[in-house]
Protein backbone atom coordinates (compact mmCIF):
# COMPACT_ATOMS: atom_id res chain seq x y z
CA MET A 1 -40.14 -105.52 106.97
CA GLU A 2 -37.60 -103.11 108.68
CA LEU A 3 -34.67 -103.96 106.99
CA GLN A 4 -32.12 -102.60 109.65
CA LEU A 5 -33.52 -104.97 112.19
CA ALA A 6 -33.30 -107.58 109.69
CA LEU A 7 -29.87 -106.91 109.22
CA LYS A 8 -29.25 -106.99 113.02
CA ALA A 9 -30.95 -110.37 113.27
CA ALA A 10 -29.03 -111.76 110.23
CA GLN A 11 -25.75 -110.66 111.78
CA GLU A 12 -26.59 -112.25 114.97
CA ALA A 13 -27.66 -115.44 113.45
CA ALA A 14 -24.33 -115.29 111.29
CA ASP A 15 -22.51 -115.29 114.60
CA LEU A 16 -24.02 -118.25 115.81
CA GLY A 17 -23.58 -120.12 112.67
CA ARG A 18 -19.95 -119.12 112.79
CA LYS A 19 -19.32 -120.52 116.25
CA VAL A 20 -20.91 -123.84 115.33
CA LEU A 21 -18.84 -124.17 112.32
CA LEU A 22 -15.63 -123.32 114.29
CA ASP A 23 -16.43 -125.75 116.97
CA TYR A 24 -16.76 -128.62 114.67
CA TYR A 25 -13.81 -127.64 112.33
CA GLY A 26 -11.53 -130.54 112.23
CA ASP A 27 -13.60 -132.51 114.49
CA LEU A 28 -16.45 -134.09 112.62
CA LYS A 29 -17.99 -137.55 113.33
CA ASN A 30 -20.67 -137.72 110.82
CA VAL A 31 -20.13 -137.08 107.10
CA GLN A 32 -22.53 -138.34 104.54
CA GLU A 33 -23.21 -137.93 100.66
CA LYS A 34 -26.26 -136.39 99.41
CA GLU A 35 -27.50 -137.48 96.01
CA MET A 36 -26.52 -135.05 93.30
CA ALA A 37 -25.90 -132.51 96.05
CA GLY A 38 -22.43 -133.21 97.58
CA LEU A 39 -21.65 -133.53 101.19
CA VAL A 40 -23.37 -132.83 104.35
CA SER A 41 -22.08 -132.92 108.16
CA GLU A 42 -23.42 -132.45 111.55
CA ALA A 43 -21.88 -129.16 111.23
CA ASP A 44 -24.30 -128.17 108.36
CA VAL A 45 -27.20 -129.32 110.17
CA GLU A 46 -26.45 -127.73 113.74
CA SER A 47 -25.57 -124.43 112.01
CA GLU A 48 -28.90 -124.19 110.08
CA LYS A 49 -30.87 -125.07 113.30
CA VAL A 50 -29.58 -122.27 115.22
CA ILE A 51 -29.54 -119.67 112.34
CA THR A 52 -33.09 -120.57 111.84
CA GLU A 53 -34.19 -120.43 115.30
CA HIS A 54 -32.74 -117.03 115.89
CA LEU A 55 -34.19 -115.48 112.69
CA LEU A 56 -37.62 -116.77 113.87
CA LYS A 57 -37.38 -115.25 117.19
CA TYR A 58 -37.19 -111.85 115.34
CA PHE A 59 -39.47 -112.59 112.49
CA PRO A 60 -41.98 -115.40 113.35
CA LYS A 61 -44.08 -115.09 110.29
CA SER A 62 -41.14 -115.27 107.90
CA ALA A 63 -40.49 -118.17 105.78
CA ILE A 64 -37.16 -120.31 105.91
CA LEU A 65 -35.50 -121.83 102.98
CA GLY A 66 -32.41 -123.64 104.17
CA GLU A 67 -30.07 -126.10 102.49
CA GLU A 68 -30.59 -128.87 104.64
CA GLN A 69 -34.17 -128.46 105.34
CA ALA A 70 -34.95 -128.20 101.45
CA PHE A 71 -32.94 -131.45 100.99
CA ALA A 72 -34.71 -133.38 103.99
CA THR A 73 -38.11 -132.51 102.54
CA GLN A 74 -37.29 -132.26 98.94
CA GLU A 75 -39.14 -128.83 98.90
CA VAL A 76 -39.74 -127.44 95.63
CA LEU A 77 -37.55 -124.43 95.08
CA GLN A 78 -39.29 -121.26 94.09
CA ALA A 79 -39.81 -117.56 95.09
CA LYS A 80 -42.25 -117.19 97.54
CA SER A 81 -44.20 -114.08 99.04
CA HIS A 82 -44.70 -114.03 102.85
CA SER A 83 -45.61 -111.03 105.28
CA GLU A 84 -42.14 -111.15 106.86
CA GLY A 85 -40.07 -112.20 103.80
CA GLN A 86 -38.29 -115.48 103.20
CA TRP A 87 -34.80 -116.22 104.60
CA ILE A 88 -32.63 -118.14 102.07
CA ILE A 89 -29.90 -119.78 104.41
CA ASP A 90 -26.70 -121.88 103.27
CA PRO A 91 -25.67 -122.80 106.80
CA LEU A 92 -22.19 -124.11 105.40
CA ASP A 93 -21.21 -123.11 101.80
CA GLY A 94 -18.08 -124.89 100.90
CA THR A 95 -18.78 -128.22 103.00
CA THR A 96 -16.08 -130.17 100.90
CA ASN A 97 -13.52 -127.67 101.74
CA TYR A 98 -14.65 -127.56 105.27
CA ILE A 99 -14.43 -131.35 105.65
CA HIS A 100 -10.86 -131.35 104.05
CA GLN A 101 -9.88 -128.34 106.39
CA ILE A 102 -9.45 -126.01 103.56
CA PRO A 103 -10.35 -122.56 105.37
CA ILE A 104 -12.54 -121.26 102.50
CA TYR A 105 -16.23 -121.88 103.63
CA CYS A 106 -19.07 -119.51 104.59
CA VAL A 107 -22.24 -118.85 106.29
CA SER A 108 -24.79 -117.48 103.90
CA ILE A 109 -27.84 -115.60 104.91
CA GLY A 110 -30.18 -113.86 102.27
CA LEU A 111 -33.44 -112.16 102.70
CA GLU A 112 -36.04 -112.03 99.85
CA VAL A 113 -39.18 -109.85 100.14
CA ASP A 114 -42.05 -109.99 97.66
CA GLY A 115 -39.68 -111.94 95.24
CA GLU A 116 -36.61 -109.64 95.48
CA CYS A 117 -33.33 -110.21 97.37
CA VAL A 118 -32.94 -107.12 99.57
CA LEU A 119 -30.14 -108.26 102.31
CA GLY A 120 -27.29 -110.43 102.37
CA VAL A 121 -24.79 -111.56 105.25
CA ILE A 122 -21.89 -113.69 104.32
CA ASP A 123 -19.42 -114.74 107.07
CA VAL A 124 -16.15 -116.46 106.35
CA PRO A 125 -15.23 -118.13 109.79
CA SER A 126 -11.72 -119.21 109.36
CA LEU A 127 -10.62 -115.78 107.81
CA GLY A 128 -12.47 -113.61 110.34
CA ASP A 129 -14.33 -111.87 107.36
CA ARG A 130 -18.06 -110.65 107.25
CA TYR A 131 -19.58 -109.32 104.21
CA HIS A 132 -22.91 -107.61 104.20
CA ALA A 133 -25.28 -105.56 102.13
CA VAL A 134 -28.81 -104.09 102.14
CA LYS A 135 -30.47 -102.74 99.05
CA GLY A 136 -29.80 -99.21 98.44
CA GLN A 137 -27.15 -98.96 101.21
CA GLY A 138 -23.96 -100.20 99.56
CA ALA A 139 -21.84 -103.26 100.18
CA PHE A 140 -19.43 -103.52 103.37
CA LYS A 141 -16.47 -106.00 104.38
CA ASN A 142 -15.95 -105.80 108.05
CA GLY A 143 -17.70 -102.50 108.09
CA GLN A 144 -15.75 -100.95 105.33
CA PRO A 145 -17.36 -100.10 101.91
CA ILE A 146 -16.33 -102.49 99.15
CA ARG A 147 -16.74 -101.96 95.23
CA VAL A 148 -16.42 -104.14 92.24
CA SER A 149 -12.99 -104.17 90.18
CA GLN A 150 -12.31 -101.19 87.90
CA ARG A 151 -10.07 -103.11 85.52
CA GLU A 152 -11.03 -103.10 82.05
CA LYS A 153 -8.57 -105.23 80.08
CA LEU A 154 -9.15 -108.86 79.71
CA GLU A 155 -5.56 -109.76 80.00
CA GLU A 156 -5.50 -108.16 83.49
CA ALA A 157 -8.57 -110.11 84.74
CA LEU A 158 -8.76 -112.72 87.39
CA LEU A 159 -11.99 -115.00 87.22
CA ALA A 160 -13.59 -117.46 89.18
CA THR A 161 -15.92 -120.29 88.31
CA GLY A 162 -16.99 -123.65 89.71
CA PHE A 163 -17.85 -127.08 88.39
CA PHE A 164 -20.76 -129.55 88.66
CA PRO A 165 -19.49 -132.94 87.54
CA PRO A 166 -22.83 -134.96 87.81
CA ASN A 167 -24.22 -132.79 85.17
CA LYS A 168 -22.25 -133.75 81.99
CA GLU A 169 -23.79 -131.57 79.55
CA ALA A 170 -23.29 -128.50 81.89
CA LEU A 171 -19.59 -129.61 82.88
CA LYS A 172 -18.77 -129.71 79.16
CA GLU A 173 -20.11 -126.14 78.79
CA GLN A 174 -18.19 -124.86 81.68
CA LEU A 175 -15.08 -126.29 80.58
CA ASP A 176 -15.55 -125.05 77.12
CA VAL A 177 -15.76 -121.45 78.32
CA PHE A 178 -12.92 -122.26 80.70
CA VAL A 179 -10.76 -123.17 77.59
CA SER A 180 -11.84 -120.19 75.70
CA LEU A 181 -10.98 -117.77 78.37
CA ILE A 182 -7.80 -119.06 80.05
CA PRO A 183 -5.34 -118.17 77.09
CA GLN A 184 -6.46 -114.52 77.32
CA ILE A 185 -6.64 -113.76 80.92
CA ARG A 186 -4.40 -113.41 84.04
CA GLY A 187 -6.02 -116.37 85.80
CA ILE A 188 -9.03 -118.34 86.90
CA ARG A 189 -9.62 -119.63 90.21
CA ARG A 190 -11.99 -122.45 91.67
CA MET A 191 -12.57 -121.62 95.27
CA GLY A 192 -15.30 -124.24 96.12
CA ALA A 193 -17.93 -121.80 97.66
CA ALA A 194 -19.85 -119.77 95.47
CA ALA A 195 -20.70 -117.26 98.39
CA TYR A 196 -17.25 -116.64 98.73
CA ASP A 197 -16.67 -116.04 94.87
CA LEU A 198 -19.39 -113.67 94.94
CA CYS A 199 -17.68 -111.65 97.80
CA MET A 200 -14.52 -111.88 96.05
CA VAL A 201 -16.18 -110.13 92.90
CA ALA A 202 -17.96 -107.59 95.21
CA GLU A 203 -14.54 -106.56 96.83
CA GLY A 204 -12.76 -106.35 93.40
CA VAL A 205 -10.44 -109.36 93.64
CA PHE A 206 -12.11 -111.22 91.11
CA ASP A 207 -13.34 -109.34 87.94
CA ALA A 208 -15.95 -111.77 87.14
CA TYR A 209 -17.53 -115.18 88.16
CA TRP A 210 -19.69 -117.58 86.25
CA GLU A 211 -21.23 -121.01 87.03
CA LYS A 212 -24.28 -123.11 86.40
CA ASN A 213 -26.62 -125.45 88.42
CA LEU A 214 -26.37 -123.56 91.72
CA SER A 215 -29.17 -123.60 94.28
CA PRO A 216 -30.70 -120.58 95.84
CA TRP A 217 -28.91 -120.64 98.97
CA ASP A 218 -25.65 -120.52 97.16
CA THR A 219 -26.28 -116.85 95.67
CA ALA A 220 -29.20 -115.19 97.51
CA ALA A 221 -26.85 -113.32 99.80
CA GLY A 222 -23.86 -112.69 97.49
CA PHE A 223 -26.09 -111.38 94.75
CA VAL A 224 -27.22 -108.55 96.71
CA ILE A 225 -23.47 -107.96 97.95
CA VAL A 226 -22.39 -107.70 94.40
CA GLN A 227 -25.25 -105.61 93.09
CA GLU A 228 -24.67 -103.12 95.99
CA ALA A 229 -21.09 -103.03 95.02
CA CYS A 230 -21.71 -101.51 91.78
CA GLY A 231 -21.61 -104.99 90.02
CA ILE A 232 -23.73 -106.59 87.26
CA VAL A 233 -25.42 -109.90 87.85
CA THR A 234 -27.16 -111.76 85.12
CA THR A 235 -28.21 -115.16 83.81
CA TYR A 236 -25.97 -116.66 81.08
CA ASP A 237 -28.89 -115.64 78.67
CA SER A 238 -28.73 -111.88 79.99
CA ASN A 239 -31.73 -112.09 81.93
CA THR A 240 -32.31 -110.44 85.22
CA TYR A 241 -31.00 -112.64 87.86
CA SER A 242 -32.95 -114.33 90.52
CA PRO A 243 -31.23 -117.05 93.08
CA PHE A 244 -33.81 -119.50 91.58
CA ASP A 245 -32.31 -119.19 88.11
CA LYS A 246 -29.83 -122.15 87.19
CA SER A 247 -27.04 -120.04 85.67
CA ILE A 248 -25.14 -116.70 86.91
CA ILE A 249 -22.60 -114.30 85.76
CA ALA A 250 -21.42 -111.56 88.22
CA GLY A 251 -18.82 -109.13 87.71
CA SER A 252 -17.71 -105.61 86.95
CA PRO A 253 -19.77 -103.97 84.36
CA ILE A 254 -17.15 -104.09 81.51
CA LEU A 255 -15.57 -107.68 82.21
CA HIS A 256 -19.15 -109.14 82.97
CA LYS A 257 -20.19 -108.36 79.33
CA VAL A 258 -16.93 -110.00 78.10
CA VAL A 259 -17.31 -113.20 80.03
CA LYS A 260 -20.87 -113.37 78.84
CA GLU A 261 -19.78 -112.87 75.11
CA HIS A 262 -17.47 -116.02 75.64
CA ILE A 263 -20.37 -117.99 77.09
CA HIS A 264 -22.47 -117.24 74.11
CA ARG A 265 -19.70 -117.99 71.69
CA SER A 266 -18.99 -121.35 73.34
CA LYS A 267 -22.89 -122.23 73.48
CA THR A 268 -23.20 -121.35 69.83
CA LYS A 269 -20.18 -123.55 68.74
CA ASN A 270 -21.33 -126.46 70.65
CA GLN A 271 -25.00 -126.18 69.26
CA SER A 272 -23.53 -125.98 65.39
CA SER A 273 -21.12 -129.03 65.99
């Protein structure tokens, strides 16, 4: 696949998704609960529709894995191989924020080719920001290069995480790590949109981010952006990360290691108690 053409298609698709989300913002008529998967609105559905249709105009043989399509069809989530790759789309990451009119929400479009994420575009409509990266070409915000934080001291670190209350065991694990870290750092933020958290890591605003029980569309684009910003992305168990994994640690090389160590200590403590 020609990645520059793919980037052009993804940027244009993000423009279309952005317009849908801005048009519906503050004027939703149909908000529903998805079992174990948060909220969905007409904005999510319409955004995914226009994004998907646009990408398929460029690459009709590509596969599409979109959040709303996957939920509607109960599609099994796994990496796939297609001649024109697989687009992994979150048409509205941060739906709860969006519904409550908190301006932290995103359009996230990632591209996977032969099992590897090679492109990411994340648009933040209410803030007017656009992040993108292509494998081997660096990471950018609004066309300007970005890089992960250079801070080295834990006491100077600003971290980010998220919580998944329906899974009580995972929630306890997250809270244990949170309690372990909070006395030693500058602060922790919970933004409510994993794609945006990853952009903040890539930009050097957050030094590290960790979370569990995410879906591929939450991280596919942001994963590429962090890596291209010279960041490190792994699972909790230090394995090479894939968006189809269920845990993620993303950060600058030094503070990624520190957060990973806290997670391991909390896990070991829980297993021995």
